[in-house]
């Protein structure tokens, strides 16, 4: 990983793209209930807040391992949110 700024950008881009995908789904499916899709957006925002707070945590001994764990968590949670979008009906 290059630096903290790149990790913050990755978090922003990944979760922003997920929220955008939900909006596209809502636009394409105007006849369907949006409670589940709104829950996905709320979860993406909550994930964003959590990950950014972890990145900004200054009380870390091993920064490299800490940031690697954050990157892994972003990937895991991002995939879970994408799966939820794919399962919307």
PDB file of N, CA and C in Angstrom:
ATOM      1  N   UNK A   1       0.847  -1.170   0.000  1.00  0.00           N
ATOM      2  CA  UNK A   1       0.000   0.000   0.000  1.00  0.00           C
ATOM      3  C   UNK A   1       0.895   1.237   0.000  1.00  0.00           C
ATOM      4  N   UNK A   2       0.535   2.214  -0.787  1.00  0.00           N
ATOM      5  CA  UNK A   2       1.367   3.396  -0.943  1.00  0.00           C
ATOM      6  C   UNK A   2       1.320   4.298   0.290  1.00  0.00           C
ATOM      7  N   UNK A   3       0.137   4.755   0.666  1.00  0.00           N
ATOM      8  CA  UNK A   3       0.052   5.625   1.838  1.00  0.00           C
ATOM      9  C   UNK A   3      -1.385   5.748   2.339  1.00  0.00           C
ATOM     10  N   UNK A   4      -1.538   6.497   3.403  1.00  0.00           N
ATOM     11  CA  UNK A   4      -2.847   6.659   4.042  1.00  0.00           C
ATOM     12  C   UNK A   4      -3.814   7.368   3.101  1.00  0.00           C
ATOM     13  N   UNK A   5      -3.323   8.358   2.374  1.00  0.00           N
ATOM     14  CA  UNK A   5      -4.182   9.111   1.456  1.00  0.00           C
ATOM     15  C   UNK A   5      -4.790   8.180   0.409  1.00  0.00           C
ATOM     16  N   UNK A   6      -4.001   7.265  -0.115  1.00  0.00           N
ATOM     17  CA  UNK A   6      -4.522   6.322  -1.108  1.00  0.00           C
ATOM     18  C   UNK A   6      -5.553   5.374  -0.498  1.00  0.00           C
ATOM     19  N   UNK A   7      -5.332   4.957   0.742  1.00  0.00           N
ATOM     20  CA  UNK A   7      -6.295   4.086   1.413  1.00  0.00           C
ATOM     21  C   UNK A   7      -7.618   4.822   1.612  1.00  0.00           C
ATOM     22  N   UNK A   8      -7.554   6.080   2.017  1.00  0.00           N
ATOM     23  CA  UNK A   8      -8.780   6.872   2.184  1.00  0.00           C
ATOM     24  C   UNK A   8      -9.503   7.039   0.846  1.00  0.00           C
ATOM     25  N   UNK A   9      -8.746   7.252  -0.216  1.00  0.00           N
ATOM     26  CA  UNK A   9      -9.357   7.371  -1.541  1.00  0.00           C
ATOM     27  C   UNK A   9     -10.020   6.061  -1.952  1.00  0.00           C
ATOM     28  N   UNK A  10      -9.353   4.937  -1.685  1.00  0.00           N
ATOM     29  CA  UNK A  10      -9.932   3.629  -2.007  1.00  0.00           C
ATOM     30  C   UNK A  10     -11.247   3.419  -1.270  1.00  0.00           C
ATOM     31  N   UNK A  11     -11.271   3.750   0.010  1.00  0.00           N
ATOM     32  CA  UNK A  11     -12.499   3.614   0.799  1.00  0.00           C
ATOM     33  C   UNK A  11     -13.597   4.471   0.193  1.00  0.00           C
ATOM     34  N   UNK A  12     -13.266   5.689  -0.127  1.00  0.00           N
ATOM     35  CA  UNK A  12     -14.243   6.614  -0.700  1.00  0.00           C
ATOM     36  C   UNK A  12     -14.763   6.125  -2.049  1.00  0.00           C
ATOM     37  N   UNK A  13     -13.870   5.704  -2.924  1.00  0.00           N
ATOM     38  CA  UNK A  13     -14.272   5.265  -4.260  1.00  0.00           C
ATOM     39  C   UNK A  13     -15.109   3.985  -4.213  1.00  0.00           C
ATOM     40  N   UNK A  14     -14.662   3.008  -3.446  1.00  0.00           N
ATOM     41  CA  UNK A  14     -15.371   1.723  -3.391  1.00  0.00           C
ATOM     42  C   UNK A  14     -16.781   1.913  -2.851  1.00  0.00           C
ATOM     43  N   UNK A  15     -16.886   2.569  -1.714  1.00  0.00           N
ATOM     44  CA  UNK A  15     -18.204   2.721  -1.107  1.00  0.00           C
ATOM     45  C   UNK A  15     -19.066   3.717  -1.886  1.00  0.00           C
ATOM     46  N   UNK A  16     -18.449   4.711  -2.499  1.00  0.00           N
ATOM     47  CA  UNK A  16     -19.191   5.633  -3.361  1.00  0.00           C
ATOM     48  C   UNK A  16     -19.761   4.923  -4.580  1.00  0.00           C
ATOM     49  N   UNK A  17     -18.973   4.029  -5.166  1.00  0.00           N
ATOM     50  CA  UNK A  17     -19.459   3.262  -6.316  1.00  0.00           C
ATOM     51  C   UNK A  17     -20.600   2.326  -5.920  1.00  0.00           C
ATOM     52  N   UNK A  18     -20.528   1.774  -4.723  1.00  0.00           N
ATOM     53  CA  UNK A  18     -21.600   0.896  -4.257  1.00  0.00           C
ATOM     54  C   UNK A  18     -22.888   1.693  -4.075  1.00  0.00           C
ATOM     55  N   UNK A  19     -22.786   2.867  -3.481  1.00  0.00           N
ATOM     56  CA  UNK A  19     -23.971   3.714  -3.304  1.00  0.00           C
ATOM     57  C   UNK A  19     -24.530   4.119  -4.663  1.00  0.00           C
ATOM     58  N   UNK A  20     -23.661   4.448  -5.596  1.00  0.00           N
ATOM     59  CA  UNK A  20     -24.104   4.805  -6.947  1.00  0.00           C
ATOM     60  C   UNK A  20     -24.820   3.637  -7.612  1.00  0.00           C
ATOM     61  N   UNK A  21     -24.325   2.422  -7.419  1.00  0.00           N
ATOM     62  CA  UNK A  21     -24.969   1.242  -7.995  1.00  0.00           C
ATOM     63  C   UNK A  21     -26.367   1.054  -7.416  1.00  0.00           C
ATOM     64  N   UNK A  22     -26.535   1.347  -6.142  1.00  0.00           N
ATOM     65  CA  UNK A  22     -27.861   1.243  -5.526  1.00  0.00           C
ATOM     66  C   UNK A  22     -28.800   2.276  -6.140  1.00  0.00           C
ATOM     67  N   UNK A  23     -28.321   3.490  -6.330  1.00  0.00           N
ATOM     68  CA  UNK A  23     -29.152   4.529  -6.951  1.00  0.00           C
ATOM     69  C   UNK A  23     -29.546   4.146  -8.376  1.00  0.00           C
ATOM     70  N   UNK A  24     -28.628   3.546  -9.101  1.00  0.00           N
ATOM     71  CA  UNK A  24     -28.938   3.096 -10.465  1.00  0.00           C
ATOM     72  C   UNK A  24     -30.003   2.008 -10.415  1.00  0.00           C
ATOM     73  N   UNK A  25     -29.884   1.081  -9.466  1.00  0.00           N
ATOM     74  CA  UNK A  25     -30.885   0.023  -9.321  1.00  0.00           C
ATOM     75  C   UNK A  25     -32.247   0.637  -8.999  1.00  0.00           C
ATOM     76  N   UNK A  26     -32.277   1.614  -8.093  1.00  0.00           N
ATOM     77  CA  UNK A  26     -33.537   2.250  -7.732  1.00  0.00           C
ATOM     78  C   UNK A  26     -34.144   2.968  -8.940  1.00  0.00           C
ATOM     79  N   UNK A  27     -33.304   3.622  -9.730  1.00  0.00           N
ATOM     80  CA  UNK A  27     -33.786   4.332 -10.911  1.00  0.00           C
ATOM     81  C   UNK A  27     -34.345   3.356 -11.946  1.00  0.00           C
ATOM     82  N   UNK A  28     -33.712   2.215 -12.095  1.00  0.00           N
ATOM     83  CA  UNK A  28     -34.151   1.221 -13.073  1.00  0.00           C
ATOM     84  C   UNK A  28     -35.364   0.434 -12.590  1.00  0.00           C
ATOM     85  N   UNK A  29     -35.605   0.424 -11.293  1.00  0.00           N
ATOM     86  CA  UNK A  29     -36.702  -0.354 -10.719  1.00  0.00           C
ATOM     87  C   UNK A  29     -37.612   0.549  -9.891  1.00  0.00           C
ATOM     88  N   UNK A  30     -38.187   1.540 -10.526  1.00  0.00           N
ATOM     89  CA  UNK A  30     -39.014   2.512  -9.807  1.00  0.00           C
ATOM     90  C   UNK A  30     -40.282   1.901  -9.233  1.00  0.00           C
ATOM     91  N   UNK A  31     -40.698   0.764  -9.748  1.00  0.00           N
ATOM     92  CA  UNK A  31     -41.925   0.131  -9.270  1.00  0.00           C
ATOM     93  C   UNK A  31     -41.702  -0.734  -8.030  1.00  0.00           C
ATOM     94  N   UNK A  32     -40.458  -0.906  -7.603  1.00  0.00           N
ATOM     95  CA  UNK A  32     -40.154  -1.792  -6.480  1.00  0.00           C
ATOM     96  C   UNK A  32     -39.910  -0.992  -5.207  1.00  0.00           C
ATOM     97  N   UNK A  33     -40.111  -1.662  -4.075  1.00  0.00           N
ATOM     98  CA  UNK A  33     -39.902  -1.046  -2.771  1.00  0.00           C
ATOM     99  C   UNK A  33     -38.413  -0.766  -2.549  1.00  0.00           C
ATOM    100  N   UNK A  34     -38.108   0.383  -1.975  1.00  0.00           N
ATOM    101  CA  UNK A  34     -36.708   0.781  -1.821  1.00  0.00           C
ATOM    102  C   UNK A  34     -36.194   0.625  -0.390  1.00  0.00           C
ATOM    103  N   UNK A  35     -36.934  -0.037   0.481  1.00  0.00           N
ATOM    104  CA  UNK A  35     -36.476  -0.181   1.866  1.00  0.00           C
ATOM    105  C   UNK A  35     -35.168  -0.961   1.951  1.00  0.00           C
ATOM    106  N   UNK A  36     -35.053  -2.044   1.182  1.00  0.00           N
ATOM    107  CA  UNK A  36     -33.827  -2.848   1.213  1.00  0.00           C
ATOM    108  C   UNK A  36     -32.650  -2.077   0.610  1.00  0.00           C
ATOM    109  N   UNK A  37     -32.909  -1.354  -0.473  1.00  0.00           N
ATOM    110  CA  UNK A  37     -31.825  -0.608  -1.108  1.00  0.00           C
ATOM    111  C   UNK A  37     -31.373   0.549  -0.224  1.00  0.00           C
ATOM    112  N   UNK A  38     -32.302   1.185   0.463  1.00  0.00           N
ATOM    113  CA  UNK A  38     -31.926   2.253   1.384  1.00  0.00           C
ATOM    114  C   UNK A  38     -31.109   1.706   2.553  1.00  0.00           C
ATOM    115  N   UNK A  39     -31.419   0.497   2.972  1.00  0.00           N
ATOM    116  CA  UNK A  39     -30.643  -0.144   4.046  1.00  0.00           C
ATOM    117  C   UNK A  39     -29.208  -0.406   3.589  1.00  0.00           C
ATOM    118  N   UNK A  40     -29.037  -0.759   2.327  1.00  0.00           N
ATOM    119  CA  UNK A  40     -27.690  -0.982   1.786  1.00  0.00           C
ATOM    120  C   UNK A  40     -26.909   0.336   1.784  1.00  0.00           C
ATOM    121  N   UNK A  41     -27.562   1.422   1.409  1.00  0.00           N
ATOM    122  CA  UNK A  41     -26.906   2.731   1.417  1.00  0.00           C
ATOM    123  C   UNK A  41     -26.508   3.106   2.840  1.00  0.00           C
ATOM    124  N   UNK A  42     -27.403   2.892   3.787  1.00  0.00           N
ATOM    125  CA  UNK A  42     -27.092   3.196   5.194  1.00  0.00           C
ATOM    126  C   UNK A  42     -25.911   2.364   5.687  1.00  0.00           C
ATOM    127  N   UNK A  43     -25.882   1.098   5.290  1.00  0.00           N
ATOM    128  CA  UNK A  43     -24.779   0.221   5.697  1.00  0.00           C
ATOM    129  C   UNK A  43     -23.460   0.679   5.068  1.00  0.00           C
ATOM    130  N   UNK A  44     -23.506   1.129   3.811  1.00  0.00           N
ATOM    131  CA  UNK A  44     -22.295   1.614   3.143  1.00  0.00           C
ATOM    132  C   UNK A  44     -21.772   2.872   3.837  1.00  0.00           C
ATOM    133  N   UNK A  45     -22.672   3.761   4.225  1.00  0.00           N
ATOM    134  CA  UNK A  45     -22.255   4.984   4.923  1.00  0.00           C
ATOM    135  C   UNK A  45     -21.673   4.647   6.289  1.00  0.00           C
ATOM    136  N   UNK A  46     -22.291   3.720   6.987  1.00  0.00           N
ATOM    137  CA  UNK A  46     -21.789   3.289   8.292  1.00  0.00           C
ATOM    138  C   UNK A  46     -20.404   2.645   8.149  1.00  0.00           C
ATOM    139  N   UNK A  47     -20.240   1.820   7.128  1.00  0.00           N
ATOM    140  CA  UNK A  47     -18.946   1.190   6.863  1.00  0.00           C
ATOM    141  C   UNK A  47     -17.888   2.246   6.566  1.00  0.00           C
ATOM    142  N   UNK A  48     -18.247   3.244   5.778  1.00  0.00           N
ATOM    143  CA  UNK A  48     -17.328   4.343   5.460  1.00  0.00           C
ATOM    144  C   UNK A  48     -16.866   5.032   6.742  1.00  0.00           C
ATOM    145  N   UNK A  49     -17.824   5.391   7.588  1.00  0.00           N
ATOM    146  CA  UNK A  49     -17.482   6.080   8.836  1.00  0.00           C
ATOM    147  C   UNK A  49     -16.562   5.234   9.711  1.00  0.00           C
ATOM    148  N   UNK A  50     -16.859   3.948   9.811  1.00  0.00           N
ATOM    149  CA  UNK A  50     -16.064   3.044  10.633  1.00  0.00           C
ATOM    150  C   UNK A  50     -14.634   2.916  10.102  1.00  0.00           C
ATOM    151  N   UNK A  51     -14.508   2.714   8.800  1.00  0.00           N
ATOM    152  CA  UNK A  51     -13.176   2.524   8.218  1.00  0.00           C
ATOM    153  C   UNK A  51     -12.334   3.794   8.289  1.00  0.00           C
ATOM    154  N   UNK A  52     -12.934   4.948   8.039  1.00  0.00           N
ATOM    155  CA  UNK A  52     -12.195   6.208   8.124  1.00  0.00           C
ATOM    156  C   UNK A  52     -11.741   6.452   9.563  1.00  0.00           C
ATOM    157  N   UNK A  53     -12.596   6.127  10.524  1.00  0.00           N
ATOM    158  CA  UNK A  53     -12.202   6.274  11.935  1.00  0.00           C
ATOM    159  C   UNK A  53     -11.008   5.375  12.248  1.00  0.00           C
ATOM    160  N   UNK A  54     -11.007   4.166  11.706  1.00  0.00           N
ATOM    161  CA  UNK A  54      -9.881   3.255  11.931  1.00  0.00           C
ATOM    162  C   UNK A  54      -8.607   3.779  11.272  1.00  0.00           C
ATOM    163  N   UNK A  55      -8.727   4.353  10.086  1.00  0.00           N
ATOM    164  CA  UNK A  55      -7.559   4.911   9.402  1.00  0.00           C
ATOM    165  C   UNK A  55      -6.980   6.069  10.217  1.00  0.00           C
ATOM    166  N   UNK A  56      -7.844   6.885  10.797  1.00  0.00           N
ATOM    167  CA  UNK A  56      -7.398   8.067  11.540  1.00  0.00           C
ATOM    168  C   UNK A  56      -6.944   7.756  12.962  1.00  0.00           C
ATOM    169  N   UNK A  57      -7.069   6.512  13.390  1.00  0.00           N
ATOM    170  CA  UNK A  57      -6.651   6.121  14.736  1.00  0.00           C
ATOM    171  C   UNK A  57      -5.132   6.240  14.851  1.00  0.00           C
ATOM    172  N   UNK A  58      -4.676   7.074  15.752  1.00  0.00           N
ATOM    173  CA  UNK A  58      -3.236   7.329  15.906  1.00  0.00           C
ATOM    174  C   UNK A  58      -2.583   6.402  16.935  1.00  0.00           C
ATOM    175  N   UNK A  59      -3.376   5.642  17.681  1.00  0.00           N
ATOM    176  CA  UNK A  59      -2.836   4.788  18.745  1.00  0.00           C
ATOM    177  C   UNK A  59      -2.594   3.375  18.242  1.00  0.00           C
ATOM    178  N   UNK A  60      -1.784   3.253  17.196  1.00  0.00           N
ATOM    179  CA  UNK A  60      -1.515   1.956  16.580  1.00  0.00           C
ATOM    180  C   UNK A  60      -0.012   1.705  16.631  1.00  0.00           C
ATOM    181  N   UNK A  61       0.358   0.500  17.059  1.00  0.00           N
ATOM    182  CA  UNK A  61       1.775   0.156  17.130  1.00  0.00           C
ATOM    183  C   UNK A  61       2.330  -0.230  15.764  1.00  0.00           C
ATOM    184  N   UNK A  62       1.706  -1.204  15.119  1.00  0.00           N
ATOM    185  CA  UNK A  62       2.165  -1.697  13.821  1.00  0.00           C
ATOM    186  C   UNK A  62       1.255  -1.133  12.726  1.00  0.00           C
ATOM    187  N   UNK A  63       1.643   0.012  12.183  1.00  0.00           N
ATOM    188  CA  UNK A  63       0.789   0.704  11.211  1.00  0.00           C
ATOM    189  C   UNK A  63       0.587  -0.107   9.937  1.00  0.00           C
ATOM    190  N   UNK A  64       1.625  -0.774   9.481  1.00  0.00           N
ATOM    191  CA  UNK A  64       1.515  -1.530   8.242  1.00  0.00           C
ATOM    192  C   UNK A  64       0.463  -2.633   8.368  1.00  0.00           C
ATOM    193  N   UNK A  65       0.501  -3.373   9.457  1.00  0.00           N
ATOM    194  CA  UNK A  65      -0.488  -4.439   9.680  1.00  0.00           C
ATOM    195  C   UNK A  65      -1.879  -3.854   9.891  1.00  0.00           C
ATOM    196  N   UNK A  66      -1.951  -2.716  10.577  1.00  0.00           N
ATOM    197  CA  UNK A  66      -3.229  -2.051  10.830  1.00  0.00           C
ATOM    198  C   UNK A  66      -3.895  -1.637   9.514  1.00  0.00           C
ATOM    199  N   UNK A  67      -3.128  -0.994   8.634  1.00  0.00           N
ATOM    200  CA  UNK A  67      -3.688  -0.538   7.364  1.00  0.00           C
ATOM    201  C   UNK A  67      -4.013  -1.705   6.432  1.00  0.00           C
ATOM    202  N   UNK A  68      -3.215  -2.754   6.512  1.00  0.00           N
ATOM    203  CA  UNK A  68      -3.504  -3.944   5.713  1.00  0.00           C
ATOM    204  C   UNK A  68      -4.826  -4.570   6.162  1.00  0.00           C
ATOM    205  N   UNK A  69      -5.060  -4.595   7.460  1.00  0.00           N
ATOM    206  CA  UNK A  69      -6.320  -5.131   7.993  1.00  0.00           C
ATOM    207  C   UNK A  69      -7.503  -4.273   7.569  1.00  0.00           C
ATOM    208  N   UNK A  70      -7.319  -2.960   7.545  1.00  0.00           N
ATOM    209  CA  UNK A  70      -8.389  -2.056   7.092  1.00  0.00           C
ATOM    210  C   UNK A  70      -8.686  -2.307   5.626  1.00  0.00           C
ATOM    211  N   UNK A  71      -7.650  -2.466   4.820  1.00  0.00           N
ATOM    212  CA  UNK A  71      -7.833  -2.736   3.395  1.00  0.00           C
ATOM    213  C   UNK A  71      -8.584  -4.050   3.187  1.00  0.00           C
ATOM    214  N   UNK A  72      -8.245  -5.056   3.975  1.00  0.00           N
ATOM    215  CA  UNK A  72      -8.917  -6.353   3.890  1.00  0.00           C
ATOM    216  C   UNK A  72     -10.380  -6.226   4.307  1.00  0.00           C
ATOM    217  N   UNK A  73     -10.638  -5.455   5.347  1.00  0.00           N
ATOM    218  CA  UNK A  73     -12.012  -5.244   5.807  1.00  0.00           C
ATOM    219  C   UNK A  73     -12.825  -4.509   4.740  1.00  0.00           C
ATOM    220  N   UNK A  74     -12.211  -3.539   4.078  1.00  0.00           N
ATOM    221  CA  UNK A  74     -12.891  -2.828   2.989  1.00  0.00           C
ATOM    222  C   UNK A  74     -13.281  -3.805   1.893  1.00  0.00           C
ATOM    223  N   UNK A  75     -12.379  -4.682   1.522  1.00  0.00           N
ATOM    224  CA  UNK A  75     -12.662  -5.663   0.477  1.00  0.00           C
ATOM    225  C   UNK A  75     -13.786  -6.608   0.894  1.00  0.00           C
ATOM    226  N   UNK A  76     -13.741  -7.083   2.118  1.00  0.00           N
ATOM    227  CA  UNK A  76     -14.758  -8.017   2.608  1.00  0.00           C
ATOM    228  C   UNK A  76     -16.138  -7.362   2.665  1.00  0.00           C
ATOM    229  N   UNK A  77     -16.198  -6.190   3.268  1.00  0.00           N
ATOM    230  CA  UNK A  77     -17.491  -5.503   3.406  1.00  0.00           C
ATOM    231  C   UNK A  77     -17.996  -5.017   2.051  1.00  0.00           C
ATOM    232  N   UNK A  78     -17.093  -4.605   1.185  1.00  0.00           N
ATOM    233  CA  UNK A  78     -17.496  -4.184  -0.158  1.00  0.00           C
ATOM    234  C   UNK A  78     -18.117  -5.327  -0.938  1.00  0.00           C
ATOM    235  N   UNK A  79     -17.500  -6.489  -0.866  1.00  0.00           N
ATOM    236  CA  UNK A  79     -18.057  -7.655  -1.560  1.00  0.00           C
ATOM    237  C   UNK A  79     -19.425  -8.040  -0.995  1.00  0.00           C
ATOM    238  N   UNK A  80     -19.584  -7.936   0.326  1.00  0.00           N
ATOM    239  CA  UNK A  80     -20.872  -8.257   0.945  1.00  0.00           C
ATOM    240  C   UNK A  80     -21.957  -7.281   0.491  1.00  0.00           C
ATOM    241  N   UNK A  81     -21.613  -6.012   0.398  1.00  0.00           N
ATOM    242  CA  UNK A  81     -22.591  -5.024  -0.058  1.00  0.00           C
ATOM    243  C   UNK A  81     -22.947  -5.231  -1.526  1.00  0.00           C
ATOM    244  N   UNK A  82     -21.973  -5.571  -2.338  1.00  0.00           N
ATOM    245  CA  UNK A  82     -22.237  -5.851  -3.755  1.00  0.00           C
ATOM    246  C   UNK A  82     -23.147  -7.072  -3.895  1.00  0.00           C
ATOM    247  N   UNK A  83     -22.916  -8.069  -3.069  1.00  0.00           N
ATOM    248  CA  UNK A  83     -23.767  -9.250  -3.088  1.00  0.00           C
ATOM    249  C   UNK A  83     -25.207  -8.881  -2.720  1.00  0.00           C
ATOM    250  N   UNK A  84     -25.368  -7.989  -1.754  1.00  0.00           N
ATOM    251  CA  UNK A  84     -26.711  -7.548  -1.378  1.00  0.00           C
ATOM    252  C   UNK A  84     -27.376  -6.796  -2.527  1.00  0.00           C
ATOM    253  N   UNK A  85     -26.618  -6.005  -3.252  1.00  0.00           N
ATOM    254  CA  UNK A  85     -27.187  -5.290  -4.410  1.00  0.00           C
ATOM    255  C   UNK A  85     -27.623  -6.293  -5.468  1.00  0.00           C
ATOM    256  N   UNK A  86     -26.800  -7.296  -5.704  1.00  0.00           N
ATOM    257  CA  UNK A  86     -27.129  -8.322  -6.719  1.00  0.00           C
ATOM    258  C   UNK A  86     -28.372  -9.107  -6.332  1.00  0.00           C
ATOM    259  N   UNK A  87     -28.659  -9.215  -5.030  1.00  0.00           N
ATOM    260  CA  UNK A  87     -29.815  -9.978  -4.574  1.00  0.00           C
ATOM    261  C   UNK A  87     -31.088  -9.151  -4.453  1.00  0.00           C
ATOM    262  N   UNK A  88     -31.007  -7.866  -4.760  1.00  0.00           N
ATOM    263  CA  UNK A  88     -32.225  -7.036  -4.716  1.00  0.00           C
ATOM    264  C   UNK A  88     -33.195  -7.521  -5.773  1.00  0.00           C
ATOM    265  N   UNK A  89     -34.465  -7.557  -5.402  1.00  0.00           N
ATOM    266  CA  UNK A  89     -35.463  -7.957  -6.386  1.00  0.00           C
ATOM    267  C   UNK A  89     -36.742  -7.187  -6.234  1.00  0.00           C
TER     268      UNK A  89
END
